[in-house]
């Protein structure tokens, strides 16, 4: 028995939309966790940098994974903080950590919006094409 080409096309579209929706739903779930608990999803590098005053005072070279020649990479050098007291360094570190967490929440909110948009595109495509598949 020959399967009509329209059914093959509809099944293929349904398969692709289910796969895409699965990926975007998992991305969206991770984003929900990131919005609720940004301390869990923050990068290891940023987390370690804010754990102690000694780590915070190390020169900031950016994320460890850099692309391009070293001369093309912009190096963020912190202002000299050797002359500050431990209390002042701690205040700067905690303020920086708070900004880092706010940035993490914002990033995950954006990712959640993208995930929801993708899923809401996949759902109608799936149901429109599923109508062309004849139940056997």
N, C-alpha and C. Protein backbone atom coordinates (compact mmCIF):
# COMPACT_ATOMS: atom_id res chain seq x y z
N UNK A 1 0.84 -1.17 0.00
CA UNK A 1 0.00 0.00 0.00
C UNK A 1 0.89 1.24 0.00
N UNK A 2 0.57 2.14 -0.91
CA UNK A 2 1.38 3.34 -1.07
C UNK A 2 0.86 4.45 -0.16
N UNK A 3 1.79 5.10 0.53
CA UNK A 3 1.42 6.22 1.39
C UNK A 3 1.46 7.49 0.55
N UNK A 4 0.38 8.26 0.56
CA UNK A 4 0.39 9.51 -0.21
C UNK A 4 1.49 10.45 0.28
N UNK A 5 2.02 11.21 -0.62
CA UNK A 5 3.13 12.12 -0.32
C UNK A 5 2.71 13.17 0.72
N UNK A 6 1.44 13.55 0.71
CA UNK A 6 0.98 14.56 1.67
C UNK A 6 1.05 14.02 3.10
N UNK A 7 0.78 12.71 3.27
CA UNK A 7 0.87 12.12 4.60
C UNK A 7 2.32 12.05 5.08
N UNK A 8 3.21 11.71 4.17
CA UNK A 8 4.63 11.67 4.53
C UNK A 8 5.10 13.06 4.93
N UNK A 9 4.70 14.06 4.15
CA UNK A 9 5.07 15.44 4.47
C UNK A 9 4.50 15.84 5.84
N UNK A 10 3.23 15.53 6.08
CA UNK A 10 2.59 15.91 7.34
C UNK A 10 3.26 15.21 8.52
N UNK A 11 3.58 13.92 8.37
CA UNK A 11 4.27 13.20 9.44
C UNK A 11 5.65 13.76 9.70
N UNK A 12 6.33 14.13 8.63
CA UNK A 12 7.66 14.72 8.79
C UNK A 12 7.58 16.05 9.54
N UNK A 13 6.63 16.89 9.19
CA UNK A 13 6.46 18.17 9.88
C UNK A 13 6.09 17.93 11.34
N UNK A 14 5.22 16.97 11.60
CA UNK A 14 4.84 16.66 12.99
C UNK A 14 6.04 16.19 13.79
N UNK A 15 6.86 15.33 13.19
CA UNK A 15 8.05 14.84 13.87
C UNK A 15 9.00 15.99 14.20
N UNK A 16 9.23 16.87 13.24
CA UNK A 16 10.16 17.99 13.44
C UNK A 16 9.61 18.95 14.50
N UNK A 17 8.31 19.22 14.48
CA UNK A 17 7.76 20.14 15.48
C UNK A 17 7.82 19.55 16.88
N UNK A 18 7.61 18.24 17.01
CA UNK A 18 7.72 17.61 18.33
C UNK A 18 9.17 17.68 18.82
N UNK A 19 10.12 17.43 17.93
CA UNK A 19 11.54 17.51 18.33
C UNK A 19 11.91 18.94 18.73
N UNK A 20 11.50 19.91 17.93
CA UNK A 20 11.81 21.31 18.26
C UNK A 20 11.14 21.74 19.55
N UNK A 21 9.88 21.37 19.72
CA UNK A 21 9.17 21.75 20.94
C UNK A 21 9.84 21.12 22.17
N UNK A 22 10.33 19.90 22.03
CA UNK A 22 11.02 19.25 23.16
C UNK A 22 12.27 20.02 23.55
N UNK A 23 13.05 20.41 22.56
CA UNK A 23 14.27 21.17 22.84
C UNK A 23 13.93 22.51 23.48
N UNK A 24 12.95 23.21 22.93
CA UNK A 24 12.60 24.52 23.46
C UNK A 24 11.93 24.44 24.83
N UNK A 25 11.19 23.35 25.08
CA UNK A 25 10.61 23.19 26.41
C UNK A 25 11.69 22.93 27.45
N UNK A 26 12.70 22.15 27.10
CA UNK A 26 13.79 21.93 28.06
C UNK A 26 14.59 23.21 28.29
N UNK A 27 14.79 23.99 27.24
CA UNK A 27 15.47 25.28 27.38
C UNK A 27 14.64 26.21 28.26
N UNK A 28 13.33 26.21 28.05
CA UNK A 28 12.45 27.04 28.85
C UNK A 28 12.42 26.62 30.31
N UNK A 29 12.46 25.32 30.57
CA UNK A 29 12.50 24.83 31.94
C UNK A 29 13.77 25.29 32.64
N UNK A 30 14.89 25.21 31.94
CA UNK A 30 16.15 25.69 32.51
C UNK A 30 16.08 27.20 32.78
N UNK A 31 15.41 27.93 31.88
CA UNK A 31 15.27 29.38 32.07
C UNK A 31 14.39 29.68 33.28
N UNK A 32 13.35 28.88 33.51
CA UNK A 32 12.50 29.08 34.68
C UNK A 32 13.32 28.87 35.95
N UNK A 33 14.16 27.83 35.95
CA UNK A 33 15.04 27.60 37.10
C UNK A 33 15.99 28.78 37.27
N UNK A 34 16.52 29.30 36.17
CA UNK A 34 17.44 30.44 36.23
C UNK A 34 16.78 31.71 36.75
N UNK A 35 15.52 31.91 36.44
CA UNK A 35 14.81 33.09 36.94
C UNK A 35 14.54 32.93 38.43
N UNK A 36 14.16 31.73 38.84
CA UNK A 36 13.84 31.50 40.25
C UNK A 36 15.06 31.37 41.15
N UNK A 37 16.10 30.72 40.66
CA UNK A 37 17.31 30.47 41.45
C UNK A 37 18.56 30.80 40.62
N UNK A 38 18.85 32.08 40.40
CA UNK A 38 20.00 32.43 39.56
C UNK A 38 21.34 31.99 40.14
N UNK A 39 21.38 31.74 41.45
CA UNK A 39 22.64 31.29 42.04
C UNK A 39 23.02 29.90 41.54
N UNK A 40 22.05 29.13 41.10
CA UNK A 40 22.32 27.79 40.58
C UNK A 40 22.84 27.84 39.15
N UNK A 41 22.32 28.74 38.34
CA UNK A 41 22.65 28.75 36.92
C UNK A 41 23.76 29.73 36.55
N UNK A 42 24.24 30.51 37.50
CA UNK A 42 25.31 31.46 37.21
C UNK A 42 26.56 30.69 36.77
N UNK A 43 27.36 31.28 35.91
CA UNK A 43 28.55 30.58 35.42
C UNK A 43 29.51 30.30 36.58
N UNK A 44 30.23 29.22 36.45
CA UNK A 44 31.18 28.84 37.50
C UNK A 44 32.24 29.89 37.72
N UNK A 45 32.66 30.52 36.64
CA UNK A 45 33.70 31.55 36.73
C UNK A 45 33.21 32.73 37.56
N UNK A 46 32.00 33.22 37.27
CA UNK A 46 31.47 34.36 38.01
C UNK A 46 31.19 33.98 39.47
N UNK A 47 30.72 32.77 39.69
CA UNK A 47 30.45 32.32 41.05
C UNK A 47 31.73 32.29 41.88
N UNK A 48 32.77 31.69 41.33
CA UNK A 48 34.04 31.58 42.06
C UNK A 48 34.66 32.95 42.32
N UNK A 49 34.52 33.85 41.36
CA UNK A 49 35.10 35.19 41.51
C UNK A 49 34.51 35.94 42.70
N UNK A 50 33.26 35.66 43.05
CA UNK A 50 32.57 36.40 44.10
C UNK A 50 32.54 35.68 45.45
N UNK A 51 33.28 34.59 45.59
CA UNK A 51 33.21 33.82 46.83
C UNK A 51 34.08 34.36 47.95
N UNK A 52 35.15 35.06 47.61
CA UNK A 52 36.01 35.61 48.65
C UNK A 52 36.64 36.90 48.15
N UNK A 53 37.13 37.69 49.09
CA UNK A 53 37.80 38.94 48.72
C UNK A 53 39.07 38.66 47.93
N UNK A 54 39.77 37.57 48.24
CA UNK A 54 40.99 37.23 47.53
C UNK A 54 40.68 36.90 46.06
N UNK A 55 39.63 36.11 45.84
CA UNK A 55 39.24 35.77 44.47
C UNK A 55 38.78 37.03 43.74
N UNK A 56 38.06 37.90 44.42
CA UNK A 56 37.52 39.10 43.81
C UNK A 56 38.64 40.06 43.40
N UNK A 57 39.76 40.04 44.12
CA UNK A 57 40.85 40.97 43.85
C UNK A 57 41.76 40.50 42.73
N UNK A 58 41.65 39.24 42.31
CA UNK A 58 42.49 38.77 41.21
C UNK A 58 42.16 39.56 39.95
N UNK A 59 43.15 39.75 39.07
CA UNK A 59 42.88 40.49 37.83
C UNK A 59 41.80 39.79 37.01
N UNK A 60 40.88 40.58 36.50
CA UNK A 60 39.77 40.05 35.71
C UNK A 60 40.20 39.99 34.26
N UNK A 61 40.26 38.78 33.73
CA UNK A 61 40.66 38.60 32.34
C UNK A 61 39.49 38.19 31.47
N UNK A 62 38.33 38.13 32.02
CA UNK A 62 37.17 37.68 31.26
C UNK A 62 36.96 36.20 31.45
N UNK A 63 35.97 35.68 30.76
CA UNK A 63 35.70 34.25 30.82
C UNK A 63 36.93 33.51 30.32
N UNK A 64 37.21 32.33 30.87
CA UNK A 64 38.40 31.60 30.47
C UNK A 64 38.41 31.17 29.01
N UNK A 65 37.25 30.95 28.38
CA UNK A 65 37.19 30.51 27.01
C UNK A 65 37.08 31.73 26.10
N UNK A 66 38.16 32.10 25.45
CA UNK A 66 38.20 33.28 24.61
C UNK A 66 38.51 32.88 23.17
N UNK A 67 37.86 33.54 22.23
CA UNK A 67 38.12 33.28 20.83
C UNK A 67 38.88 34.46 20.24
N UNK A 68 39.81 34.16 19.39
CA UNK A 68 40.54 35.20 18.71
C UNK A 68 41.92 35.40 19.32
N UNK A 69 42.73 36.20 18.64
CA UNK A 69 44.08 36.45 19.14
C UNK A 69 44.04 37.24 20.44
N UNK A 70 45.03 37.04 21.32
CA UNK A 70 45.02 37.74 22.61
C UNK A 70 44.95 39.26 22.48
N UNK A 71 45.53 39.82 21.43
CA UNK A 71 45.51 41.27 21.25
C UNK A 71 44.12 41.82 20.96
N UNK A 72 43.24 40.96 20.42
CA UNK A 72 41.90 41.41 20.05
C UNK A 72 40.92 41.33 21.21
N UNK A 73 41.32 40.66 22.26
CA UNK A 73 40.43 40.49 23.42
C UNK A 73 40.59 41.68 24.35
N UNK A 74 39.47 42.26 24.72
CA UNK A 74 39.49 43.39 25.63
C UNK A 74 39.62 42.87 27.06
N UNK A 75 40.62 43.34 27.75
CA UNK A 75 40.85 42.89 29.12
C UNK A 75 40.27 43.92 30.08
N UNK A 76 39.38 43.45 30.95
CA UNK A 76 38.78 44.34 31.94
C UNK A 76 39.65 44.32 33.19
N UNK A 77 40.35 45.38 33.43
CA UNK A 77 41.17 45.46 34.63
C UNK A 77 40.43 46.25 35.68
N UNK A 78 40.27 45.67 36.86
CA UNK A 78 39.56 46.39 37.91
C UNK A 78 40.39 47.56 38.42
N UNK A 79 39.69 48.50 38.99
CA UNK A 79 40.41 49.61 39.61
C UNK A 79 41.23 49.06 40.77
N UNK A 80 42.36 49.65 41.05
CA UNK A 80 43.17 49.12 42.15
C UNK A 80 42.41 49.20 43.47
N UNK A 81 42.33 48.05 44.16
CA UNK A 81 41.58 48.03 45.42
C UNK A 81 42.47 47.61 46.57
N UNK A 82 43.78 47.66 46.37
CA UNK A 82 44.68 47.28 47.46
C UNK A 82 44.58 48.24 48.64
N UNK A 83 44.28 49.49 48.35
CA UNK A 83 44.23 50.49 49.41
C UNK A 83 42.91 50.49 50.18
N UNK A 84 41.97 49.67 49.77
CA UNK A 84 40.67 49.64 50.45
C UNK A 84 40.71 48.66 51.62
N UNK A 85 39.86 48.91 52.59
CA UNK A 85 39.78 48.01 53.74
C UNK A 85 39.01 46.74 53.34
N UNK A 86 39.09 45.72 54.18
CA UNK A 86 38.39 44.47 53.91
C UNK A 86 36.88 44.70 53.84
N UNK A 87 36.38 45.59 54.67
CA UNK A 87 34.95 45.88 54.67
C UNK A 87 34.53 46.51 53.35
N UNK A 88 35.33 47.44 52.83
CA UNK A 88 35.01 48.09 51.56
C UNK A 88 35.10 47.12 50.40
N UNK A 89 36.10 46.25 50.42
CA UNK A 89 36.22 45.23 49.37
C UNK A 89 35.03 44.29 49.41
N UNK A 90 34.61 43.89 50.59
CA UNK A 90 33.45 43.01 50.74
C UNK A 90 32.20 43.68 50.20
N UNK A 91 32.02 44.96 50.48
CA UNK A 91 30.86 45.70 49.97
C UNK A 91 30.88 45.73 48.45
N UNK A 92 32.06 45.99 47.85
CA UNK A 92 32.18 46.00 46.39
C UNK A 92 31.89 44.62 45.81
N UNK A 93 32.41 43.59 46.45
CA UNK A 93 32.21 42.21 45.97
C UNK A 93 30.74 41.83 46.02
N UNK A 94 30.07 42.16 47.13
CA UNK A 94 28.65 41.82 47.26
C UNK A 94 27.78 42.61 46.28
N UNK A 95 28.13 43.86 46.06
CA UNK A 95 27.40 44.67 45.08
C UNK A 95 27.59 44.10 43.67
N UNK A 96 28.81 43.70 43.37
CA UNK A 96 29.10 43.09 42.07
C UNK A 96 28.35 41.77 41.90
N UNK A 97 28.28 40.97 42.96
CA UNK A 97 27.57 39.70 42.92
C UNK A 97 26.07 39.92 42.70
N UNK A 98 25.53 40.94 43.35
CA UNK A 98 24.12 41.27 43.18
C UNK A 98 23.82 41.65 41.73
N UNK A 99 24.71 42.46 41.13
CA UNK A 99 24.54 42.83 39.72
C UNK A 99 24.65 41.62 38.81
N UNK A 100 25.57 40.72 39.14
CA UNK A 100 25.75 39.50 38.36
C UNK A 100 24.48 38.65 38.40
N UNK A 101 23.87 38.53 39.57
CA UNK A 101 22.63 37.75 39.70
C UNK A 101 21.48 38.42 38.95
N UNK A 102 21.40 39.75 39.00
CA UNK A 102 20.36 40.47 38.24
C UNK A 102 20.53 40.24 36.74
N UNK A 103 21.76 40.25 36.29
CA UNK A 103 22.05 40.00 34.88
C UNK A 103 21.65 38.58 34.49
N UNK A 104 21.89 37.64 35.38
CA UNK A 104 21.54 36.24 35.14
C UNK A 104 20.02 36.08 35.04
N UNK A 105 19.28 36.74 35.90
CA UNK A 105 17.82 36.67 35.86
C UNK A 105 17.30 37.26 34.56
N UNK A 106 17.86 38.40 34.16
CA UNK A 106 17.43 39.04 32.91
C UNK A 106 17.70 38.13 31.72
N UNK A 107 18.87 37.52 31.70
CA UNK A 107 19.24 36.62 30.60
C UNK A 107 18.26 35.46 30.52
N UNK A 108 17.88 34.90 31.66
CA UNK A 108 16.96 33.77 31.65
C UNK A 108 15.53 34.18 31.31
N UNK A 109 15.13 35.39 31.67
CA UNK A 109 13.81 35.87 31.27
C UNK A 109 13.73 35.98 29.75
N UNK A 110 14.78 36.48 29.14
CA UNK A 110 14.82 36.58 27.68
C UNK A 110 14.77 35.19 27.05
N UNK A 111 15.51 34.25 27.62
CA UNK A 111 15.53 32.89 27.10
C UNK A 111 14.16 32.23 27.26
N UNK A 112 13.47 32.51 28.34
CA UNK A 112 12.13 31.96 28.56
C UNK A 112 11.16 32.51 27.52
N UNK A 113 11.24 33.78 27.23
CA UNK A 113 10.38 34.39 26.21
C UNK A 113 10.64 33.75 24.86
N UNK A 114 11.90 33.56 24.50
CA UNK A 114 12.23 32.90 23.22
C UNK A 114 11.69 31.48 23.19
N UNK A 115 11.79 30.78 24.29
CA UNK A 115 11.30 29.40 24.34
C UNK A 115 9.79 29.34 24.17
N UNK A 116 9.08 30.24 24.85
CA UNK A 116 7.63 30.27 24.72
C UNK A 116 7.19 30.60 23.30
N UNK A 117 7.87 31.53 22.67
CA UNK A 117 7.55 31.88 21.28
C UNK A 117 7.74 30.67 20.38
N UNK A 118 8.86 29.97 20.53
CA UNK A 118 9.14 28.81 19.69
C UNK A 118 8.10 27.71 19.90
N UNK A 119 7.73 27.45 21.14
CA UNK A 119 6.73 26.41 21.42
C UNK A 119 5.37 26.81 20.85
N UNK A 120 5.01 28.08 20.97
CA UNK A 120 3.72 28.52 20.43
C UNK A 120 3.71 28.56 18.91
N UNK A 121 4.85 28.53 18.28
CA UNK A 121 4.92 28.37 16.82
C UNK A 121 4.81 26.89 16.47
N UNK A 122 5.46 26.04 17.25
CA UNK A 122 5.45 24.60 16.98
C UNK A 122 4.06 23.98 17.16
N UNK A 123 3.33 24.39 18.18
CA UNK A 123 2.03 23.78 18.46
C UNK A 123 1.03 23.90 17.30
N UNK A 124 0.80 25.10 16.76
CA UNK A 124 -0.14 25.18 15.64
C UNK A 124 0.35 24.40 14.42
N UNK A 125 1.65 24.45 14.15
CA UNK A 125 2.18 23.68 13.02
C UNK A 125 1.89 22.19 13.18
N UNK A 126 2.09 21.70 14.40
CA UNK A 126 1.83 20.29 14.65
C UNK A 126 0.36 19.95 14.41
N UNK A 127 -0.55 20.71 15.02
CA UNK A 127 -1.96 20.38 14.92
C UNK A 127 -2.52 20.58 13.52
N UNK A 128 -2.02 21.56 12.79
CA UNK A 128 -2.47 21.75 11.41
C UNK A 128 -2.05 20.56 10.55
N UNK A 129 -0.82 20.11 10.71
CA UNK A 129 -0.33 19.00 9.89
C UNK A 129 -0.84 17.65 10.37
N UNK A 130 -1.18 17.53 11.63
CA UNK A 130 -1.66 16.26 12.16
C UNK A 130 -3.02 15.91 11.54
N UNK A 131 -3.78 16.92 11.14
CA UNK A 131 -5.09 16.68 10.51
C UNK A 131 -4.95 15.95 9.18
N UNK A 132 -3.82 16.09 8.50
CA UNK A 132 -3.61 15.44 7.21
C UNK A 132 -3.24 13.97 7.34
N UNK A 133 -2.90 13.54 8.52
CA UNK A 133 -2.52 12.14 8.73
C UNK A 133 -3.78 11.36 9.03
N UNK A 134 -4.04 10.38 8.23
CA UNK A 134 -5.25 9.57 8.42
C UNK A 134 -4.97 8.52 9.50
N UNK A 135 -5.83 8.40 10.49
CA UNK A 135 -5.62 7.35 11.50
C UNK A 135 -5.81 5.98 10.86
N UNK A 136 -4.91 5.09 11.20
CA UNK A 136 -4.95 3.73 10.63
C UNK A 136 -5.65 2.79 11.54
